[in-house]
Amino acid sequence: MVERLNRLGAGFERHWLAVLVGILLTYSLLPFGAPILKKLGLDALAQIIYQPYKLMCHTYGFRSFFLFGEQFVYSRPEFEQASGIDTGTFIGLLQARDFQGDARMGYKVALCQRDVAIYFAMGINGIAYALVRRRARPMPWLVFVLIGVVPIGVDGFSQLLSQPPFNLLPYRESTWGLRLITGALFGFSLAWLIFPLIESAFKPLPAAPRTAVRSD
């Protein structure tokens, strides 16, 4: 057992980037399989994707993509009009989270727009990093904050704090374009911060110089 674990650890040490890229791309693209399965009438299989992702994401219908319907995205007012759900109430938000679509609106992708952009951007940048990994250096923290954290923070928190129960700012709802841009910027900058750090963590430490032993 110990020998097998050692082999697994050694294999991951050599191929960690391929493993992480595979996980990131699978996580970001698998949610598009749920509406495809719904369209094919395979609802039980679609739930195998929908239900676990609900534990990881809010999956609100007005902040998600739709396939096979009248529109690819629905703004909040458009979603409310098309679905008949009042998203201004707590119950309505739960309903918007559970709503998976219909034949007219299309079927919802199982991950929200911003999360799709974050994890897909990380996966794609992992592929790009593989091409230059020997020369790559971690993105400076200040650049990471300015490019990755500030845009997504401003867009996300100004939206959050402008809506119930906070109502601290004038009401605003972000757009799908802003969610994609800010999510992709965060995923891009996070990838170029952590991938070089992981790479350096797996590098063997330099051997300590030997000291000559003097004999008197």
C-alpha atoms as a PDB file:
ATOM      1  CA  MET A   1       0.000   0.000   0.000  1.00  0.00           C
ATOM      2  CA  VAL A   2       2.781   2.424   0.940  1.00  0.00           C
ATOM      3  CA  GLU A   3       4.650   1.635  -2.267  1.00  0.00           C
ATOM      4  CA  ARG A   4       1.501   2.244  -4.322  1.00  0.00           C
ATOM      5  CA  LEU A   5       0.903   5.569  -2.625  1.00  0.00           C
ATOM      6  CA  ASN A   6       4.509   6.535  -3.285  1.00  0.00           C
ATOM      7  CA  ARG A   7       4.084   5.720  -6.971  1.00  0.00           C
ATOM      8  CA  LEU A   8       0.876   7.753  -7.110  1.00  0.00           C
ATOM      9  CA  GLY A   9       2.602  10.671  -5.425  1.00  0.00           C
ATOM     10  CA  ALA A  10       5.534  10.494  -7.815  1.00  0.00           C
ATOM     11  CA  GLY A  11       3.178  10.333 -10.787  1.00  0.00           C
ATOM     12  CA  PHE A  12       1.249  13.369  -9.599  1.00  0.00           C
ATOM     13  CA  GLU A  13       4.503  15.232  -9.032  1.00  0.00           C
ATOM     14  CA  ARG A  14       5.417  14.670 -12.690  1.00  0.00           C
ATOM     15  CA  HIS A  15       1.966  15.284 -14.178  1.00  0.00           C
ATOM     16  CA  TRP A  16       0.269  17.649 -11.715  1.00  0.00           C
ATOM     17  CA  LEU A  17      -0.340  20.317 -14.356  1.00  0.00           C
ATOM     18  CA  ALA A  18      -2.099  17.926 -16.737  1.00  0.00           C
ATOM     19  CA  VAL A  19      -4.222  16.644 -13.844  1.00  0.00           C
ATOM     20  CA  LEU A  20      -5.251  20.141 -12.729  1.00  0.00           C
ATOM     21  CA  VAL A  21      -5.966  21.313 -16.281  1.00  0.00           C
ATOM     22  CA  GLY A  22      -8.127  18.241 -16.828  1.00  0.00           C
ATOM     23  CA  ILE A  23     -10.051  18.888 -13.607  1.00  0.00           C
ATOM     24  CA  LEU A  24     -10.560  22.582 -14.374  1.00  0.00           C
ATOM     25  CA  LEU A  25     -11.760  22.041 -17.937  1.00  0.00           C
ATOM     26  CA  THR A  26     -14.023  19.179 -16.899  1.00  0.00           C
ATOM     27  CA  TYR A  27     -15.505  21.213 -14.059  1.00  0.00           C
ATOM     28  CA  SER A  28     -16.209  24.207 -16.313  1.00  0.00           C
ATOM     29  CA  LEU A  29     -17.517  22.293 -19.357  1.00  0.00           C
ATOM     30  CA  LEU A  30     -19.434  19.388 -17.781  1.00  0.00           C
ATOM     31  CA  PRO A  31     -22.312  21.727 -16.746  1.00  0.00           C
ATOM     32  CA  PHE A  32     -23.106  22.198 -20.455  1.00  0.00           C
ATOM     33  CA  GLY A  33     -23.871  18.494 -20.581  1.00  0.00           C
ATOM     34  CA  ALA A  34     -26.871  18.924 -18.262  1.00  0.00           C
ATOM     35  CA  PRO A  35     -29.039  20.910 -20.729  1.00  0.00           C
ATOM     36  CA  ILE A  36     -27.991  18.561 -23.537  1.00  0.00           C
ATOM     37  CA  LEU A  37     -29.228  15.601 -21.511  1.00  0.00           C
ATOM     38  CA  LYS A  38     -32.466  17.473 -20.677  1.00  0.00           C
ATOM     39  CA  LYS A  39     -33.015  18.150 -24.356  1.00  0.00           C
ATOM     40  CA  LEU A  40     -32.539  14.459 -25.124  1.00  0.00           C
ATOM     41  CA  GLY A  41     -35.112  13.562 -22.475  1.00  0.00           C
ATOM     42  CA  LEU A  42     -32.527  11.988 -20.169  1.00  0.00           C
ATOM     43  CA  ASP A  43     -33.588  13.920 -17.101  1.00  0.00           C
ATOM     44  CA  ALA A  44     -32.266  11.413 -14.547  1.00  0.00           C
ATOM     45  CA  LEU A  45     -28.781  11.670 -16.040  1.00  0.00           C
ATOM     46  CA  ALA A  46     -29.066  15.455 -16.178  1.00  0.00           C
ATOM     47  CA  GLN A  47     -29.751  15.536 -12.423  1.00  0.00           C
ATOM     48  CA  ILE A  48     -26.454  13.748 -11.802  1.00  0.00           C
ATOM     49  CA  ILE A  49     -24.848  16.964 -13.071  1.00  0.00           C
ATOM     50  CA  TYR A  50     -27.344  19.548 -11.829  1.00  0.00           C
ATOM     51  CA  GLN A  51     -27.582  18.489  -8.199  1.00  0.00           C
ATOM     52  CA  PRO A  52     -23.859  18.378  -7.226  1.00  0.00           C
ATOM     53  CA  TYR A  53     -23.219  21.737  -8.879  1.00  0.00           C
ATOM     54  CA  LYS A  54     -25.982  23.290  -6.762  1.00  0.00           C
ATOM     55  CA  LEU A  55     -23.748  22.630  -3.763  1.00  0.00           C
ATOM     56  CA  MET A  56     -20.930  24.653  -5.356  1.00  0.00           C
ATOM     57  CA  CYS A  57     -22.775  27.526  -7.059  1.00  0.00           C
ATOM     58  CA  HIS A  58     -25.956  29.592  -6.653  1.00  0.00           C
ATOM     59  CA  THR A  59     -27.050  28.542 -10.196  1.00  0.00           C
ATOM     60  CA  TYR A  60     -29.628  31.353 -10.449  1.00  0.00           C
ATOM     61  CA  GLY A  61     -31.360  31.156 -13.803  1.00  0.00           C
ATOM     62  CA  PHE A  62     -30.901  34.877 -14.454  1.00  0.00           C
ATOM     63  CA  ARG A  63     -27.118  34.512 -14.038  1.00  0.00           C
ATOM     64  CA  SER A  64     -26.687  31.318 -16.067  1.00  0.00           C
ATOM     65  CA  PHE A  65     -26.548  30.302 -19.720  1.00  0.00           C
ATOM     66  CA  PHE A  66     -29.392  28.479 -21.466  1.00  0.00           C
ATOM     67  CA  LEU A  67     -29.215  26.081 -24.403  1.00  0.00           C
ATOM     68  CA  PHE A  68     -31.867  25.115 -26.974  1.00  0.00           C
ATOM     69  CA  GLY A  69     -34.245  27.968 -26.161  1.00  0.00           C
ATOM     70  CA  GLU A  70     -35.268  31.426 -27.286  1.00  0.00           C
ATOM     71  CA  GLN A  71     -32.188  33.075 -25.738  1.00  0.00           C
ATOM     72  CA  PHE A  72     -28.699  32.110 -24.648  1.00  0.00           C
ATOM     73  CA  VAL A  73     -28.911  34.442 -21.624  1.00  0.00           C
ATOM     74  CA  TYR A  74     -31.778  36.146 -19.795  1.00  0.00           C
ATOM     75  CA  SER A  75     -31.473  39.387 -17.889  1.00  0.00           C
ATOM     76  CA  ARG A  76     -33.199  39.412 -14.519  1.00  0.00           C
ATOM     77  CA  PRO A  77     -36.367  41.131 -15.817  1.00  0.00           C
ATOM     78  CA  GLU A  78     -36.435  38.848 -18.866  1.00  0.00           C
ATOM     79  CA  PHE A  79     -36.034  35.792 -16.677  1.00  0.00           C
ATOM     80  CA  GLU A  80     -38.834  36.886 -14.362  1.00  0.00           C
ATOM     81  CA  GLN A  81     -41.183  37.547 -17.263  1.00  0.00           C
ATOM     82  CA  ALA A  82     -40.389  34.285 -19.050  1.00  0.00           C
ATOM     83  CA  SER A  83     -40.380  32.019 -15.991  1.00  0.00           C
ATOM     84  CA  GLY A  84     -43.037  33.746 -13.869  1.00  0.00           C
ATOM     85  CA  ILE A  85     -40.647  33.727 -10.880  1.00  0.00           C
ATOM     86  CA  ASP A  86     -40.378  36.834  -8.683  1.00  0.00           C
ATOM     87  CA  THR A  87     -36.667  36.956  -7.854  1.00  0.00           C
ATOM     88  CA  GLY A  88     -37.177  39.844  -5.432  1.00  0.00           C
ATOM     89  CA  THR A  89     -38.169  37.448  -2.657  1.00  0.00           C
ATOM     90  CA  PHE A  90     -36.205  34.777  -0.819  1.00  0.00           C
ATOM     91  CA  ILE A  91     -38.582  32.078  -2.044  1.00  0.00           C
ATOM     92  CA  GLY A  92     -38.235  33.426  -5.560  1.00  0.00           C
ATOM     93  CA  LEU A  93     -34.450  33.165  -5.382  1.00  0.00           C
ATOM     94  CA  LEU A  94     -34.740  29.539  -4.310  1.00  0.00           C
ATOM     95  CA  GLN A  95     -37.064  28.932  -7.242  1.00  0.00           C
ATOM     96  CA  ALA A  96     -34.641  30.670  -9.624  1.00  0.00           C
ATOM     97  CA  ARG A  97     -31.903  28.418  -8.264  1.00  0.00           C
ATOM     98  CA  ASP A  98     -33.957  25.253  -8.792  1.00  0.00           C
ATOM     99  CA  PHE A  99     -35.336  26.296 -12.185  1.00  0.00           C
ATOM    100  CA  GLN A 100     -33.739  24.168 -14.911  1.00  0.00           C
ATOM    101  CA  GLY A 101     -35.617  25.551 -17.893  1.00  0.00           C
ATOM    102  CA  ASP A 102     -38.274  24.379 -20.281  1.00  0.00           C
ATOM    103  CA  ALA A 103     -38.775  23.758 -23.976  1.00  0.00           C
ATOM    104  CA  ARG A 104     -39.428  27.455 -24.686  1.00  0.00           C
ATOM    105  CA  MET A 105     -36.743  29.140 -22.574  1.00  0.00           C
ATOM    106  CA  GLY A 106     -34.209  26.386 -23.089  1.00  0.00           C
ATOM    107  CA  TYR A 107     -32.392  24.391 -20.444  1.00  0.00           C
ATOM    108  CA  LYS A 108     -30.032  25.914 -17.917  1.00  0.00           C
ATOM    109  CA  VAL A 109     -26.303  25.242 -17.801  1.00  0.00           C
ATOM    110  CA  ALA A 110     -25.517  23.829 -14.359  1.00  0.00           C
ATOM    111  CA  LEU A 111     -22.883  26.437 -13.452  1.00  0.00           C
ATOM    112  CA  CYS A 112     -23.294  30.215 -13.367  1.00  0.00           C
ATOM    113  CA  GLN A 113     -21.748  32.478 -15.994  1.00  0.00           C
ATOM    114  CA  ARG A 114     -19.007  33.869 -13.761  1.00  0.00           C
ATOM    115  CA  ASP A 115     -17.885  30.475 -12.480  1.00  0.00           C
ATOM    116  CA  VAL A 116     -17.769  29.054 -16.007  1.00  0.00           C
ATOM    117  CA  ALA A 117     -15.449  31.925 -16.974  1.00  0.00           C
ATOM    118  CA  ILE A 118     -13.226  31.520 -13.888  1.00  0.00           C
ATOM    119  CA  TYR A 119     -12.555  27.796 -14.168  1.00  0.00           C
ATOM    120  CA  PHE A 120     -12.410  27.676 -17.969  1.00  0.00           C
ATOM    121  CA  ALA A 121      -9.904  30.552 -18.004  1.00  0.00           C
ATOM    122  CA  MET A 122      -7.770  28.759 -15.425  1.00  0.00           C
ATOM    123  CA  GLY A 123      -7.797  25.577 -17.502  1.00  0.00           C
ATOM    124  CA  ILE A 124      -6.895  27.343 -20.750  1.00  0.00           C
ATOM    125  CA  ASN A 125      -4.128  29.289 -19.037  1.00  0.00           C
ATOM    126  CA  GLY A 126      -2.836  26.036 -17.609  1.00  0.00           C
ATOM    127  CA  ILE A 127      -2.326  24.867 -21.193  1.00  0.00           C
ATOM    128  CA  ALA A 128      -0.589  28.140 -22.027  1.00  0.00           C
ATOM    129  CA  TYR A 129       1.562  27.825 -18.908  1.00  0.00           C
ATOM    130  CA  ALA A 130       2.720  24.372 -20.004  1.00  0.00           C
ATOM    131  CA  LEU A 131       4.372  25.966 -23.039  1.00  0.00           C
ATOM    132  CA  VAL A 132       6.503  28.359 -20.989  1.00  0.00           C
ATOM    133  CA  ARG A 133       6.670  26.689 -17.579  1.00  0.00           C
ATOM    134  CA  ARG A 134      10.479  26.614 -17.442  1.00  0.00           C
ATOM    135  CA  ARG A 135      10.681  30.393 -17.820  1.00  0.00           C
ATOM    136  CA  ALA A 136       7.475  31.429 -16.054  1.00  0.00           C
ATOM    137  CA  ARG A 137       7.474  33.364 -12.801  1.00  0.00           C
ATOM    138  CA  PRO A 138       4.505  33.912 -10.445  1.00  0.00           C
ATOM    139  CA  MET A 139       2.406  36.960 -11.201  1.00  0.00           C
ATOM    140  CA  PRO A 140       3.293  39.713  -8.692  1.00  0.00           C
ATOM    141  CA  TRP A 141       0.730  39.982  -5.916  1.00  0.00           C
ATOM    142  CA  LEU A 142      -0.052  43.624  -6.684  1.00  0.00           C
ATOM    143  CA  VAL A 143      -0.760  42.795 -10.330  1.00  0.00           C
ATOM    144  CA  PHE A 144      -2.922  39.850  -9.236  1.00  0.00           C
ATOM    145  CA  VAL A 145      -4.966  42.132  -6.989  1.00  0.00           C
ATOM    146  CA  LEU A 146      -5.350  44.867  -9.609  1.00  0.00           C
ATOM    147  CA  ILE A 147      -6.213  42.568 -12.526  1.00  0.00           C
ATOM    148  CA  GLY A 148      -7.891  39.632 -10.832  1.00  0.00           C
ATOM    149  CA  VAL A 149      -9.395  40.737  -7.528  1.00  0.00           C
ATOM    150  CA  VAL A 150     -10.448  44.368  -7.982  1.00  0.00           C
ATOM    151  CA  PRO A 151     -12.673  43.956 -11.090  1.00  0.00           C
ATOM    152  CA  ILE A 152     -14.513  40.894  -9.813  1.00  0.00           C
ATOM    153  CA  GLY A 153     -14.769  42.398  -6.332  1.00  0.00           C
ATOM    154  CA  VAL A 154     -16.233  45.682  -7.551  1.00  0.00           C
ATOM    155  CA  ASP A 155     -18.699  43.971  -9.882  1.00  0.00           C
ATOM    156  CA  GLY A 156     -19.746  41.284  -7.422  1.00  0.00           C
ATOM    157  CA  PHE A 157     -19.909  43.271  -4.191  1.00  0.00           C
ATOM    158  CA  SER A 158     -21.585  46.337  -5.732  1.00  0.00           C
ATOM    159  CA  GLN A 159     -24.271  43.952  -6.977  1.00  0.00           C
ATOM    160  CA  LEU A 160     -24.538  42.110  -3.665  1.00  0.00           C
ATOM    161  CA  LEU A 161     -24.634  45.207  -1.465  1.00  0.00           C
ATOM    162  CA  SER A 162     -27.220  46.944  -3.661  1.00  0.00           C
ATOM    163  CA  GLN A 163     -29.807  44.193  -3.213  1.00  0.00           C
ATOM    164  CA  PRO A 164     -31.802  42.788  -0.273  1.00  0.00           C
ATOM    165  CA  PRO A 165     -31.081  42.222   2.531  1.00  0.00           C
ATOM    166  CA  PHE A 166     -28.292  44.838   2.381  1.00  0.00           C
ATOM    167  CA  ASN A 167     -29.620  47.671   0.186  1.00  0.00           C
ATOM    168  CA  LEU A 168     -26.531  49.753   0.953  1.00  0.00           C
ATOM    169  CA  LEU A 169     -26.000  51.000  -2.617  1.00  0.00           C
ATOM    170  CA  PRO A 170     -28.236  52.022  -5.508  1.00  0.00           C
ATOM    171  CA  TYR A 171     -29.708  48.872  -7.005  1.00  0.00           C
ATOM    172  CA  ARG A 172     -27.746  47.232  -9.810  1.00  0.00           C
ATOM    173  CA  GLU A 173     -27.647  43.826 -11.476  1.00  0.00           C
ATOM    174  CA  SER A 174     -24.495  42.937 -13.346  1.00  0.00           C
ATOM    175  CA  THR A 175     -24.614  41.796 -16.978  1.00  0.00           C
ATOM    176  CA  TRP A 176     -23.522  38.474 -18.410  1.00  0.00           C
ATOM    177  CA  GLY A 177     -20.727  40.225 -20.293  1.00  0.00           C
ATOM    178  CA  LEU A 178     -19.276  41.741 -17.114  1.00  0.00           C
ATOM    179  CA  ARG A 179     -19.532  38.419 -15.325  1.00  0.00           C
ATOM    180  CA  LEU A 180     -17.597  36.708 -18.098  1.00  0.00           C
ATOM    181  CA  ILE A 181     -14.921  39.412 -18.290  1.00  0.00           C
ATOM    182  CA  THR A 182     -14.338  39.720 -14.550  1.00  0.00           C
ATOM    183  CA  GLY A 183     -14.471  35.953 -14.063  1.00  0.00           C
ATOM    184  CA  ALA A 184     -11.989  35.367 -16.880  1.00  0.00           C
ATOM    185  CA  LEU A 185      -9.633  38.038 -15.513  1.00  0.00           C
ATOM    186  CA  PHE A 186      -9.718  36.411 -12.089  1.00  0.00           C
ATOM    187  CA  GLY A 187      -9.137  32.936 -13.539  1.00  0.00           C
ATOM    188  CA  PHE A 188      -6.317  34.189 -15.761  1.00  0.00           C
ATOM    189  CA  SER A 189      -4.482  35.997 -12.967  1.00  0.00           C
ATOM    190  CA  LEU A 190      -5.015  33.211 -10.427  1.00  0.00           C
ATOM    191  CA  ALA A 191      -3.564  30.659 -12.844  1.00  0.00           C
ATOM    192  CA  TRP A 192      -0.414  32.716 -13.409  1.00  0.00           C
ATOM    193  CA  LEU A 193      -0.077  33.219  -9.674  1.00  0.00           C
ATOM    194  CA  ILE A 194      -0.491  29.662  -8.403  1.00  0.00           C
ATOM    195  CA  PHE A 195       0.833  27.462 -11.229  1.00  0.00           C
ATOM    196  CA  PRO A 196       4.420  28.788 -10.942  1.00  0.00           C
ATOM    197  CA  LEU A 197       4.178  28.481  -7.151  1.00  0.00           C
ATOM    198  CA  ILE A 198       3.114  24.844  -7.417  1.00  0.00           C
ATOM    199  CA  GLU A 199       5.907  24.243  -9.924  1.00  0.00           C
ATOM    200  CA  SER A 200       8.495  25.634  -7.542  1.00  0.00           C
ATOM    201  CA  ALA A 201       7.092  23.590  -4.656  1.00  0.00           C
ATOM    202  CA  PHE A 202       7.716  20.355  -6.591  1.00  0.00           C
ATOM    203  CA  LYS A 203      11.276  21.258  -7.535  1.00  0.00           C
ATOM    204  CA  PRO A 204      13.855  19.368  -5.461  1.00  0.00           C
ATOM    205  CA  LEU A 205      15.827  21.423  -3.012  1.00  0.00           C
ATOM    206  CA  PRO A 206      19.444  22.052  -3.996  1.00  0.00           C
ATOM    207  CA  ALA A 207      21.874  19.711  -2.308  1.00  0.00           C
ATOM    208  CA  ALA A 208      23.791  21.188   0.601  1.00  0.00           C
ATOM    209  CA  PRO A 209      27.458  21.788  -0.216  1.00  0.00           C
ATOM    210  CA  ARG A 210      29.804  19.275   1.262  1.00  0.00           C
ATOM    211  CA  THR A 211      32.350  20.513   3.751  1.00  0.00           C
ATOM    212  CA  ALA A 212      35.803  19.112   3.654  1.00  0.00           C
ATOM    213  CA  VAL A 213      36.864  17.169   6.714  1.00  0.00           C
ATOM    214  CA  ARG A 214      40.277  18.190   7.939  1.00  0.00           C
ATOM    215  CA  SER A 215      42.525  15.688   9.609  1.00  0.00           C
ATOM    216  CA  ASP A 216      45.096  17.073  11.999  1.00  0.00           C
END
